[in-house]
Amino acid sequence: MREARLYIILALLLAAASAAAAGQAPEAPPLVVSRYARVKGDSEAEEVAARVAGLIDEAVPRIAALLRTDDLRPVPAFVYLDRSRFLEATGRPPRSTVVGLATLPAGVIHIDGTGLLEAIERVVPHEVGHVMIGRAVGRALPALPVWLNEGVAEYVAGERAAQVDPVTLRAVGRGNALPLSELDAEFRSLDATNPLAYAEATSLVNFLVAQRGESVIADLLASLRQHGDFAVALEQTTGWTVSELESAWRLSVAERWRWPLLLQSPVLPFAVMLLLFIVGLVRFLRERRRRQEMPDEDW
């Protein structure tokens, strides 16, 4: 009797599950499926989806090798040809300038495929970078500073020192550079992206690479995964405390980029003209004095 009741209850549960499944709309299949990508979107987004899949296929193995992770699972992605739909899906306010978003730890990326604010050729590798960083650090992801996450993502997307250091140096020189302790809060702002925050974060990562080699990125993430504490991982990997890293970075940027910025300064032409004027004036005064001191000659 008991077994009969169990069979009846099981049958009822299966029937309820089948009815619930029948009431749900079938999930739309991906527009593009490739080796490392599963890209979804509206049917009219198929061309953009193919471009996104190609960028993901290039980025995943390259970034995985840099971060020394063997997690090469395909990256799920959604593309939007409507800006408002992208903002709605990502929970961003209407005035936001965000064009890509990686949801972690799920590892899904959302791409604004309109190309109105930023080309997807740079956005997609950046967001794939976030996914691969999340895979590399695993459960230690909450201990990963946002600035390091963003800096590494910018680095793998192709931002180099020559592109970001001059921006940070101008800010340091004007006294409005963001302290390292404030970078994470700046990145968490939902309404806009601060170019200076991204420039500083990327400049910091470029500085780490210049000082310790490109392997420092993977070493730092691996140590963070092991210890779950960024300060410990940083000191173990580089020998610096967080404050020492910031001081060394600021000094390095100032030393490396002072002269290039001076040559690019709009003040430089006026300074050169002033110098030439002073040289010419000195030569004129000397010549006039020389003539005044010459004796008169009879003719």
C-alpha atoms as a PDB file:
ATOM      1  CA  MET A   1       0.000   0.000   0.000  1.00  0.00           C
ATOM      2  CA  ARG A   2       2.825   2.376   0.906  1.00  0.00           C
ATOM      3  CA  GLU A   3       4.605   1.694  -2.400  1.00  0.00           C
ATOM      4  CA  ALA A   4       1.400   2.423  -4.316  1.00  0.00           C
ATOM      5  CA  ARG A   5       1.094   5.773  -2.598  1.00  0.00           C
ATOM      6  CA  LEU A   6       4.687   6.617  -3.441  1.00  0.00           C
ATOM      7  CA  TYR A   7       4.070   5.798  -7.105  1.00  0.00           C
ATOM      8  CA  ILE A   8       0.963   8.013  -7.122  1.00  0.00           C
ATOM      9  CA  ILE A   9       2.833  10.934  -5.516  1.00  0.00           C
ATOM     10  CA  LEU A  10       5.713  10.547  -7.974  1.00  0.00           C
ATOM     11  CA  ALA A  11       3.312  10.475 -10.910  1.00  0.00           C
ATOM     12  CA  LEU A  12       1.600  13.632  -9.669  1.00  0.00           C
ATOM     13  CA  LEU A  13       4.945  15.413  -9.278  1.00  0.00           C
ATOM     14  CA  LEU A  14       6.026  14.433 -12.782  1.00  0.00           C
ATOM     15  CA  ALA A  15       2.715  15.588 -14.207  1.00  0.00           C
ATOM     16  CA  ALA A  16       2.997  18.943 -12.438  1.00  0.00           C
ATOM     17  CA  ALA A  17       6.535  19.399 -13.732  1.00  0.00           C
ATOM     18  CA  SER A  18       5.456  18.560 -17.281  1.00  0.00           C
ATOM     19  CA  ALA A  19       2.561  21.027 -17.092  1.00  0.00           C
ATOM     20  CA  ALA A  20       4.855  23.789 -15.819  1.00  0.00           C
ATOM     21  CA  ALA A  21       7.346  23.119 -18.594  1.00  0.00           C
ATOM     22  CA  ALA A  22       4.596  23.154 -21.194  1.00  0.00           C
ATOM     23  CA  GLY A  23       3.424  26.552 -19.964  1.00  0.00           C
ATOM     24  CA  GLN A  24       6.849  28.139 -20.469  1.00  0.00           C
ATOM     25  CA  ALA A  25       7.981  29.622 -23.753  1.00  0.00           C
ATOM     26  CA  PRO A  26      10.915  27.714 -25.246  1.00  0.00           C
ATOM     27  CA  GLU A  27      14.249  29.476 -24.839  1.00  0.00           C
ATOM     28  CA  ALA A  28      15.486  31.065 -28.047  1.00  0.00           C
ATOM     29  CA  PRO A  29      18.471  29.260 -29.548  1.00  0.00           C
ATOM     30  CA  PRO A  30      21.779  31.129 -29.917  1.00  0.00           C
ATOM     31  CA  LEU A  31      22.273  33.168 -33.058  1.00  0.00           C
ATOM     32  CA  VAL A  32      25.875  31.999 -33.318  1.00  0.00           C
ATOM     33  CA  VAL A  33      27.635  29.023 -31.738  1.00  0.00           C
ATOM     34  CA  SER A  34      31.401  28.834 -32.128  1.00  0.00           C
ATOM     35  CA  ARG A  35      34.302  27.210 -30.325  1.00  0.00           C
ATOM     36  CA  TYR A  36      34.366  29.633 -27.412  1.00  0.00           C
ATOM     37  CA  ALA A  37      31.137  31.614 -27.814  1.00  0.00           C
ATOM     38  CA  ARG A  38      27.383  31.216 -27.455  1.00  0.00           C
ATOM     39  CA  VAL A  39      25.856  34.464 -28.687  1.00  0.00           C
ATOM     40  CA  LYS A  40      22.165  35.328 -28.382  1.00  0.00           C
ATOM     41  CA  GLY A  41      20.136  38.308 -29.522  1.00  0.00           C
ATOM     42  CA  ASP A  42      17.298  39.358 -31.771  1.00  0.00           C
ATOM     43  CA  SER A  43      17.150  37.770 -35.201  1.00  0.00           C
ATOM     44  CA  GLU A  44      18.250  41.003 -36.885  1.00  0.00           C
ATOM     45  CA  ALA A  45      21.429  40.980 -34.774  1.00  0.00           C
ATOM     46  CA  GLU A  46      22.889  37.925 -36.486  1.00  0.00           C
ATOM     47  CA  GLU A  47      25.633  39.849 -38.302  1.00  0.00           C
ATOM     48  CA  VAL A  48      26.751  41.623 -35.129  1.00  0.00           C
ATOM     49  CA  ALA A  49      26.518  38.339 -33.220  1.00  0.00           C
ATOM     50  CA  ALA A  50      28.915  36.749 -35.704  1.00  0.00           C
ATOM     51  CA  ARG A  51      31.414  39.581 -35.159  1.00  0.00           C
ATOM     52  CA  VAL A  52      31.084  39.226 -31.384  1.00  0.00           C
ATOM     53  CA  ALA A  53      31.626  35.458 -31.604  1.00  0.00           C
ATOM     54  CA  GLY A  54      34.770  35.960 -33.666  1.00  0.00           C
ATOM     55  CA  LEU A  55      36.148  38.421 -31.111  1.00  0.00           C
ATOM     56  CA  ILE A  56      35.366  36.014 -28.270  1.00  0.00           C
ATOM     57  CA  ASP A  57      37.062  33.137 -30.112  1.00  0.00           C
ATOM     58  CA  GLU A  58      40.211  35.241 -30.438  1.00  0.00           C
ATOM     59  CA  ALA A  59      40.153  36.568 -26.883  1.00  0.00           C
ATOM     60  CA  VAL A  60      39.429  33.458 -24.800  1.00  0.00           C
ATOM     61  CA  PRO A  61      42.568  31.380 -25.534  1.00  0.00           C
ATOM     62  CA  ARG A  62      44.816  34.445 -25.582  1.00  0.00           C
ATOM     63  CA  ILE A  63      43.611  35.728 -22.219  1.00  0.00           C
ATOM     64  CA  ALA A  64      43.536  32.234 -20.725  1.00  0.00           C
ATOM     65  CA  ALA A  65      47.225  31.822 -21.591  1.00  0.00           C
ATOM     66  CA  LEU A  66      48.057  35.199 -20.021  1.00  0.00           C
ATOM     67  CA  LEU A  67      46.167  34.370 -16.826  1.00  0.00           C
ATOM     68  CA  ARG A  68      47.335  30.741 -16.829  1.00  0.00           C
ATOM     69  CA  THR A  69      43.858  29.294 -16.546  1.00  0.00           C
ATOM     70  CA  ASP A  70      42.737  26.154 -18.364  1.00  0.00           C
ATOM     71  CA  ASP A  71      39.038  27.015 -18.084  1.00  0.00           C
ATOM     72  CA  LEU A  72      38.137  27.383 -21.752  1.00  0.00           C
ATOM     73  CA  ARG A  73      34.384  26.963 -21.486  1.00  0.00           C
ATOM     74  CA  PRO A  74      32.394  28.914 -24.083  1.00  0.00           C
ATOM     75  CA  VAL A  75      31.419  32.431 -23.027  1.00  0.00           C
ATOM     76  CA  PRO A  76      27.671  33.172 -23.166  1.00  0.00           C
ATOM     77  CA  ALA A  77      26.938  36.580 -24.671  1.00  0.00           C
ATOM     78  CA  PHE A  78      23.931  38.749 -25.462  1.00  0.00           C
ATOM     79  CA  VAL A  79      24.028  41.481 -28.115  1.00  0.00           C
ATOM     80  CA  TYR A  80      21.573  44.366 -28.369  1.00  0.00           C
ATOM     81  CA  LEU A  81      20.874  46.579 -31.363  1.00  0.00           C
ATOM     82  CA  ASP A  82      18.740  48.867 -29.213  1.00  0.00           C
ATOM     83  CA  ARG A  83      20.478  51.042 -26.622  1.00  0.00           C
ATOM     84  CA  SER A  84      17.457  51.189 -24.323  1.00  0.00           C
ATOM     85  CA  ARG A  85      17.159  47.399 -24.265  1.00  0.00           C
ATOM     86  CA  PHE A  86      20.829  47.086 -23.351  1.00  0.00           C
ATOM     87  CA  LEU A  87      20.403  49.548 -20.469  1.00  0.00           C
ATOM     88  CA  GLU A  88      17.276  47.746 -19.276  1.00  0.00           C
ATOM     89  CA  ALA A  89      18.939  44.320 -19.402  1.00  0.00           C
ATOM     90  CA  THR A  90      22.021  45.530 -17.533  1.00  0.00           C
ATOM     91  CA  GLY A  91      20.140  47.663 -15.002  1.00  0.00           C
ATOM     92  CA  ARG A  92      21.934  50.859 -16.009  1.00  0.00           C
ATOM     93  CA  PRO A  93      20.286  54.290 -15.823  1.00  0.00           C
ATOM     94  CA  PRO A  94      19.362  56.111 -19.061  1.00  0.00           C
ATOM     95  CA  ARG A  95      22.360  58.483 -18.925  1.00  0.00           C
ATOM     96  CA  SER A  96      24.890  55.704 -18.393  1.00  0.00           C
ATOM     97  CA  THR A  97      27.786  55.479 -20.842  1.00  0.00           C
ATOM     98  CA  VAL A  98      28.425  51.797 -20.133  1.00  0.00           C
ATOM     99  CA  VAL A  99      28.615  49.784 -23.384  1.00  0.00           C
ATOM    100  CA  GLY A 100      29.494  46.331 -22.076  1.00  0.00           C
ATOM    101  CA  LEU A 101      28.896  44.359 -18.902  1.00  0.00           C
ATOM    102  CA  ALA A 102      30.127  41.028 -17.590  1.00  0.00           C
ATOM    103  CA  THR A 103      27.992  39.440 -14.880  1.00  0.00           C
ATOM    104  CA  LEU A 104      30.118  37.569 -12.377  1.00  0.00           C
ATOM    105  CA  PRO A 105      30.392  34.859 -11.199  1.00  0.00           C
ATOM    106  CA  ALA A 106      27.879  33.737 -13.863  1.00  0.00           C
ATOM    107  CA  GLY A 107      30.332  34.723 -16.592  1.00  0.00           C
ATOM    108  CA  VAL A 108      27.800  36.136 -19.062  1.00  0.00           C
ATOM    109  CA  ILE A 109      28.589  39.240 -21.109  1.00  0.00           C
ATOM    110  CA  HIS A 110      26.174  41.848 -22.488  1.00  0.00           C
ATOM    111  CA  ILE A 111      27.250  43.975 -25.444  1.00  0.00           C
ATOM    112  CA  ASP A 112      25.761  47.169 -26.830  1.00  0.00           C
ATOM    113  CA  GLY A 113      25.959  46.292 -30.514  1.00  0.00           C
ATOM    114  CA  THR A 114      24.869  49.696 -31.785  1.00  0.00           C
ATOM    115  CA  GLY A 115      28.448  50.961 -31.899  1.00  0.00           C
ATOM    116  CA  LEU A 116      27.222  54.461 -31.042  1.00  0.00           C
ATOM    117  CA  LEU A 117      29.519  54.992 -28.044  1.00  0.00           C
ATOM    118  CA  GLU A 118      32.308  52.473 -28.506  1.00  0.00           C
ATOM    119  CA  ALA A 119      33.413  49.927 -31.112  1.00  0.00           C
ATOM    120  CA  ILE A 120      32.734  46.312 -30.126  1.00  0.00           C
ATOM    121  CA  GLU A 121      36.270  45.372 -31.260  1.00  0.00           C
ATOM    122  CA  ARG A 122      37.523  46.862 -28.003  1.00  0.00           C
ATOM    123  CA  VAL A 123      34.490  46.254 -25.784  1.00  0.00           C
ATOM    124  CA  VAL A 124      34.243  42.488 -26.322  1.00  0.00           C
ATOM    125  CA  PRO A 125      37.851  41.584 -25.327  1.00  0.00           C
ATOM    126  CA  HIS A 126      37.466  43.797 -22.255  1.00  0.00           C
ATOM    127  CA  GLU A 127      34.335  41.964 -21.110  1.00  0.00           C
ATOM    128  CA  VAL A 128      35.819  38.554 -21.951  1.00  0.00           C
ATOM    129  CA  GLY A 129      38.754  39.623 -19.802  1.00  0.00           C
ATOM    130  CA  HIS A 130      36.413  40.049 -16.841  1.00  0.00           C
ATOM    131  CA  VAL A 131      34.975  36.566 -17.394  1.00  0.00           C
ATOM    132  CA  MET A 132      38.422  34.965 -17.597  1.00  0.00           C
ATOM    133  CA  ILE A 133      39.628  36.894 -14.520  1.00  0.00           C
ATOM    134  CA  GLY A 134      36.599  35.596 -12.617  1.00  0.00           C
ATOM    135  CA  ARG A 135      37.458  32.051 -13.663  1.00  0.00           C
ATOM    136  CA  ALA A 136      41.089  32.515 -12.642  1.00  0.00           C
ATOM    137  CA  VAL A 137      40.364  33.727  -9.102  1.00  0.00           C
ATOM    138  CA  GLY A 138      37.334  31.523  -8.466  1.00  0.00           C
ATOM    139  CA  ARG A 139      35.773  31.958  -5.033  1.00  0.00           C
ATOM    140  CA  ALA A 140      38.248  34.720  -4.160  1.00  0.00           C
ATOM    141  CA  LEU A 141      36.490  37.072  -6.595  1.00  0.00           C
ATOM    142  CA  PRO A 142      34.967  39.252  -3.809  1.00  0.00           C
ATOM    143  CA  ALA A 143      38.518  39.983  -2.569  1.00  0.00           C
ATOM    144  CA  LEU A 144      39.656  41.186  -5.995  1.00  0.00           C
ATOM    145  CA  PRO A 145      39.864  45.010  -6.115  1.00  0.00           C
ATOM    146  CA  VAL A 146      37.658  46.477  -8.821  1.00  0.00           C
ATOM    147  CA  TRP A 147      40.534  48.639 -10.065  1.00  0.00           C
ATOM    148  CA  LEU A 148      42.696  45.546 -10.660  1.00  0.00           C
ATOM    149  CA  ASN A 149      39.822  43.756 -12.383  1.00  0.00           C
ATOM    150  CA  GLU A 150      39.229  46.744 -14.665  1.00  0.00           C
ATOM    151  CA  GLY A 151      42.918  47.414 -15.193  1.00  0.00           C
ATOM    152  CA  VAL A 152      43.660  43.868 -16.317  1.00  0.00           C
ATOM    153  CA  ALA A 153      40.554  43.862 -18.539  1.00  0.00           C
ATOM    154  CA  GLU A 154      41.760  47.077 -20.183  1.00  0.00           C
ATOM    155  CA  TYR A 155      45.261  45.639 -20.526  1.00  0.00           C
ATOM    156  CA  VAL A 156      44.060  42.508 -22.355  1.00  0.00           C
ATOM    157  CA  ALA A 157      41.835  44.709 -24.556  1.00  0.00           C
ATOM    158  CA  GLY A 158      44.945  46.468 -25.847  1.00  0.00           C
ATOM    159  CA  GLU A 159      45.333  49.589 -23.706  1.00  0.00           C
ATOM    160  CA  ARG A 160      49.043  50.256 -23.254  1.00  0.00           C
ATOM    161  CA  ALA A 161      51.115  52.684 -21.206  1.00  0.00           C
ATOM    162  CA  ALA A 162      51.493  55.185 -24.041  1.00  0.00           C
ATOM    163  CA  GLN A 163      47.707  55.516 -24.172  1.00  0.00           C
ATOM    164  CA  VAL A 164      46.960  55.918 -20.477  1.00  0.00           C
ATOM    165  CA  ASP A 165      50.045  57.184 -18.634  1.00  0.00           C
ATOM    166  CA  PRO A 166      49.892  60.752 -20.057  1.00  0.00           C
ATOM    167  CA  VAL A 167      46.299  61.030 -18.835  1.00  0.00           C
ATOM    168  CA  THR A 168      47.253  59.976 -15.330  1.00  0.00           C
ATOM    169  CA  LEU A 169      50.324  62.225 -15.279  1.00  0.00           C
ATOM    170  CA  ARG A 170      48.237  65.289 -16.112  1.00  0.00           C
ATOM    171  CA  ALA A 171      45.920  64.385 -13.247  1.00  0.00           C
ATOM    172  CA  VAL A 172      48.844  63.860 -10.851  1.00  0.00           C
ATOM    173  CA  GLY A 173      50.361  67.186 -11.909  1.00  0.00           C
ATOM    174  CA  ARG A 174      47.086  69.047 -11.389  1.00  0.00           C
ATOM    175  CA  GLY A 175      46.499  67.383  -8.035  1.00  0.00           C
ATOM    176  CA  ASN A 176      43.217  65.716  -9.029  1.00  0.00           C
ATOM    177  CA  ALA A 177      44.418  62.135  -9.463  1.00  0.00           C
ATOM    178  CA  LEU A 178      42.209  59.598  -7.715  1.00  0.00           C
ATOM    179  CA  PRO A 179      43.837  57.906  -4.705  1.00  0.00           C
ATOM    180  CA  LEU A 180      44.036  54.140  -5.006  1.00  0.00           C
ATOM    181  CA  SER A 181      41.707  53.842  -2.017  1.00  0.00           C
ATOM    182  CA  GLU A 182      38.958  55.662  -3.963  1.00  0.00           C
ATOM    183  CA  LEU A 183      39.205  53.862  -7.302  1.00  0.00           C
ATOM    184  CA  ASP A 184      36.872  51.005  -6.406  1.00  0.00           C
ATOM    185  CA  ALA A 185      34.082  53.362  -5.354  1.00  0.00           C
ATOM    186  CA  GLU A 186      34.500  55.294  -8.604  1.00  0.00           C
ATOM    187  CA  PHE A 187      34.115  52.128 -10.658  1.00  0.00           C
ATOM    188  CA  ARG A 188      30.969  51.103  -8.788  1.00  0.00           C
ATOM    189  CA  SER A 189      29.163  54.231  -9.922  1.00  0.00           C
ATOM    190  CA  LEU A 190      26.250  53.196 -12.149  1.00  0.00           C
ATOM    191  CA  ASP A 191      25.504  56.438 -13.968  1.00  0.00           C
ATOM    192  CA  ALA A 192      28.749  56.993 -15.876  1.00  0.00           C
ATOM    193  CA  THR A 193      32.275  55.802 -16.498  1.00  0.00           C
ATOM    194  CA  ASN A 194      35.172  57.942 -15.356  1.00  0.00           C
ATOM    195  CA  PRO A 195      37.937  57.914 -17.996  1.00  0.00           C
ATOM    196  CA  LEU A 196      40.492  58.897 -15.370  1.00  0.00           C
ATOM    197  CA  ALA A 197      39.609  55.884 -13.202  1.00  0.00           C
ATOM    198  CA  TYR A 198      40.115  53.522 -16.144  1.00  0.00           C
ATOM    199  CA  ALA A 199      43.336  55.285 -17.146  1.00  0.00           C
ATOM    200  CA  GLU A 200      44.759  55.041 -13.636  1.00  0.00           C
ATOM    201  CA  ALA A 201      43.778  51.385 -13.228  1.00  0.00           C
ATOM    202  CA  THR A 202      45.314  50.460 -16.572  1.00  0.00           C
ATOM    203  CA  SER A 203      48.421  52.522 -15.865  1.00  0.00           C
ATOM    204  CA  LEU A 204      48.853  50.642 -12.578  1.00  0.00           C
ATOM    205  CA  VAL A 205      48.647  47.278 -14.366  1.00  0.00           C
ATOM    206  CA  ASN A 206      51.111  48.475 -17.019  1.00  0.00           C
ATOM    207  CA  PHE A 207      53.441  49.567 -14.214  1.00  0.00           C
ATOM    208  CA  LEU A 208      53.228  46.141 -12.554  1.00  0.00           C
ATOM    209  CA  VAL A 209      54.016  44.463 -15.875  1.00  0.00           C
ATOM    210  CA  ALA A 210      56.937  46.829 -16.552  1.00  0.00           C
ATOM    211  CA  GLN A 211      58.413  46.160 -13.117  1.00  0.00           C
ATOM    212  CA  ARG A 212      57.738  42.437 -12.704  1.00  0.00           C
ATOM    213  CA  GLY A 213      56.995  41.097 -16.183  1.00  0.00           C
ATOM    214  CA  GLU A 214      53.683  40.054 -17.712  1.00  0.00           C
ATOM    215  CA  SER A 215      53.590  36.906 -15.566  1.00  0.00           C
ATOM    216  CA  VAL A 216      52.896  39.129 -12.545  1.00  0.00           C
ATOM    217  CA  ILE A 217      49.215  39.261 -13.534  1.00  0.00           C
ATOM    218  CA  ALA A 218      48.749  35.495 -13.350  1.00  0.00           C
ATOM    219  CA  ASP A 219      50.950  35.259 -10.237  1.00  0.00           C
ATOM    220  CA  LEU A 220      48.919  37.913  -8.456  1.00  0.00           C
ATOM    221  CA  LEU A 221      45.571  36.316  -9.333  1.00  0.00           C
ATOM    222  CA  ALA A 222      46.819  32.861  -8.331  1.00  0.00           C
ATOM    223  CA  SER A 223      48.044  34.175  -4.980  1.00  0.00           C
ATOM    224  CA  LEU A 224      44.741  35.957  -4.442  1.00  0.00           C
ATOM    225  CA  ARG A 225      42.886  32.724  -5.176  1.00  0.00           C
ATOM    226  CA  GLN A 226      45.027  30.943  -2.610  1.00  0.00           C
ATOM    227  CA  HIS A 227      44.927  33.508   0.216  1.00  0.00           C
ATOM    228  CA  GLY A 228      41.686  35.387  -0.426  1.00  0.00           C
ATOM    229  CA  ASP A 229      43.373  38.646   0.613  1.00  0.00           C
ATOM    230  CA  PHE A 230      44.653  41.166  -1.934  1.00  0.00           C
ATOM    231  CA  ALA A 231      47.146  42.874   0.385  1.00  0.00           C
ATOM    232  CA  VAL A 232      48.736  39.517   1.199  1.00  0.00           C
ATOM    233  CA  ALA A 233      48.748  38.450  -2.463  1.00  0.00           C
ATOM    234  CA  LEU A 234      50.305  41.743  -3.580  1.00  0.00           C
ATOM    235  CA  GLU A 235      53.093  41.642  -1.020  1.00  0.00           C
ATOM    236  CA  GLN A 236      53.798  37.970  -1.696  1.00  0.00           C
ATOM    237  CA  THR A 237      53.928  38.531  -5.454  1.00  0.00           C
ATOM    238  CA  THR A 238      55.645  41.916  -5.724  1.00  0.00           C
ATOM    239  CA  GLY A 239      57.101  42.722  -2.300  1.00  0.00           C
ATOM    240  CA  TRP A 240      55.027  45.922  -2.127  1.00  0.00           C
ATOM    241  CA  THR A 241      52.305  46.942   0.245  1.00  0.00           C
ATOM    242  CA  VAL A 242      49.320  48.689  -1.333  1.00  0.00           C
ATOM    243  CA  SER A 243      50.602  52.132  -0.307  1.00  0.00           C
ATOM    244  CA  GLU A 244      54.105  51.317  -1.576  1.00  0.00           C
ATOM    245  CA  LEU A 245      52.651  50.231  -4.907  1.00  0.00           C
ATOM    246  CA  GLU A 246      50.791  53.526  -5.273  1.00  0.00           C
ATOM    247  CA  SER A 247      53.850  55.611  -4.371  1.00  0.00           C
ATOM    248  CA  ALA A 248      56.144  53.685  -6.732  1.00  0.00           C
ATOM    249  CA  TRP A 249      53.602  53.925  -9.551  1.00  0.00           C
ATOM    250  CA  ARG A 250      53.110  57.681  -9.209  1.00  0.00           C
ATOM    251  CA  LEU A 251      56.860  58.273  -9.192  1.00  0.00           C
ATOM    252  CA  SER A 252      57.389  56.022 -12.210  1.00  0.00           C
ATOM    253  CA  VAL A 253      54.689  57.716 -14.271  1.00  0.00           C
ATOM    254  CA  ALA A 254      56.111  61.160 -13.512  1.00  0.00           C
ATOM    255  CA  GLU A 255      59.659  60.108 -14.420  1.00  0.00           C
ATOM    256  CA  ARG A 256      58.721  58.319 -17.638  1.00  0.00           C
ATOM    257  CA  TRP A 257      56.286  60.807 -19.116  1.00  0.00           C
ATOM    258  CA  ARG A 258      57.379  64.269 -17.950  1.00  0.00           C
ATOM    259  CA  TRP A 259      59.384  65.099 -21.092  1.00  0.00           C
ATOM    260  CA  PRO A 260      56.949  63.631 -23.653  1.00  0.00           C
ATOM    261  CA  LEU A 261      54.155  65.646 -22.088  1.00  0.00           C
ATOM    262  CA  LEU A 262      56.268  68.781 -22.070  1.00  0.00           C
ATOM    263  CA  LEU A 263      56.919  68.389 -25.796  1.00  0.00           C
ATOM    264  CA  GLN A 264      53.195  67.956 -26.399  1.00  0.00           C
ATOM    265  CA  SER A 265      52.231  70.902 -24.218  1.00  0.00           C
ATOM    266  CA  PRO A 266      50.446  73.830 -25.971  1.00  0.00           C
ATOM    267  CA  VAL A 267      52.599  76.155 -23.859  1.00  0.00           C
ATOM    268  CA  LEU A 268      55.772  74.933 -25.550  1.00  0.00           C
ATOM    269  CA  PRO A 269      55.457  77.045 -28.775  1.00  0.00           C
ATOM    270  CA  PHE A 270      54.963  80.220 -26.734  1.00  0.00           C
ATOM    271  CA  ALA A 271      57.945  79.323 -24.543  1.00  0.00           C
ATOM    272  CA  VAL A 272      60.106  78.812 -27.638  1.00  0.00           C
ATOM    273  CA  MET A 273      58.951  82.114 -29.129  1.00  0.00           C
ATOM    274  CA  LEU A 274      59.710  83.903 -25.860  1.00  0.00           C
ATOM    275  CA  LEU A 275      63.150  82.335 -25.721  1.00  0.00           C
ATOM    276  CA  LEU A 276      63.911  83.368 -29.314  1.00  0.00           C
ATOM    277  CA  PHE A 277      62.709  86.896 -28.553  1.00  0.00           C
ATOM    278  CA  ILE A 278      64.996  87.115 -25.511  1.00  0.00           C
ATOM    279  CA  VAL A 279      67.983  85.772 -27.487  1.00  0.00           C
ATOM    280  CA  GLY A 280      67.312  88.259 -30.294  1.00  0.00           C
ATOM    281  CA  LEU A 281      66.940  91.146 -27.836  1.00  0.00           C
ATOM    282  CA  VAL A 282      70.207  90.294 -26.092  1.00  0.00           C
ATOM    283  CA  ARG A 283      72.030  90.135 -29.420  1.00  0.00           C
ATOM    284  CA  PHE A 284      70.531  93.487 -30.479  1.00  0.00           C
ATOM    285  CA  LEU A 285      71.555  95.200 -27.242  1.00  0.00           C
ATOM    286  CA  ARG A 286      75.078  93.801 -27.480  1.00  0.00           C
ATOM    287  CA  GLU A 287      75.441  94.991 -31.066  1.00  0.00           C
ATOM    288  CA  ARG A 288      74.166  98.466 -30.212  1.00  0.00           C
ATOM    289  CA  ARG A 289      76.547  98.703 -27.296  1.00  0.00           C
ATOM    290  CA  ARG A 290      79.437  97.572 -29.481  1.00  0.00           C
ATOM    291  CA  ARG A 291      78.657 100.268 -32.042  1.00  0.00           C
ATOM    292  CA  GLN A 292      78.391 102.937 -29.376  1.00  0.00           C
ATOM    293  CA  GLU A 293      81.828 102.028 -28.047  1.00  0.00           C
ATOM    294  CA  MET A 294      83.471 102.200 -31.489  1.00  0.00           C
ATOM    295  CA  PRO A 295      85.633 105.397 -32.038  1.00  0.00           C
ATOM    296  CA  ASP A 296      84.506 108.028 -34.532  1.00  0.00           C
ATOM    297  CA  GLU A 297      86.335 107.984 -37.894  1.00  0.00           C
ATOM    298  CA  ASP A 298      87.204 110.955 -40.069  1.00  0.00           C
ATOM    299  CA  TRP A 299      86.424 110.760 -43.745  1.00  0.00           C
END
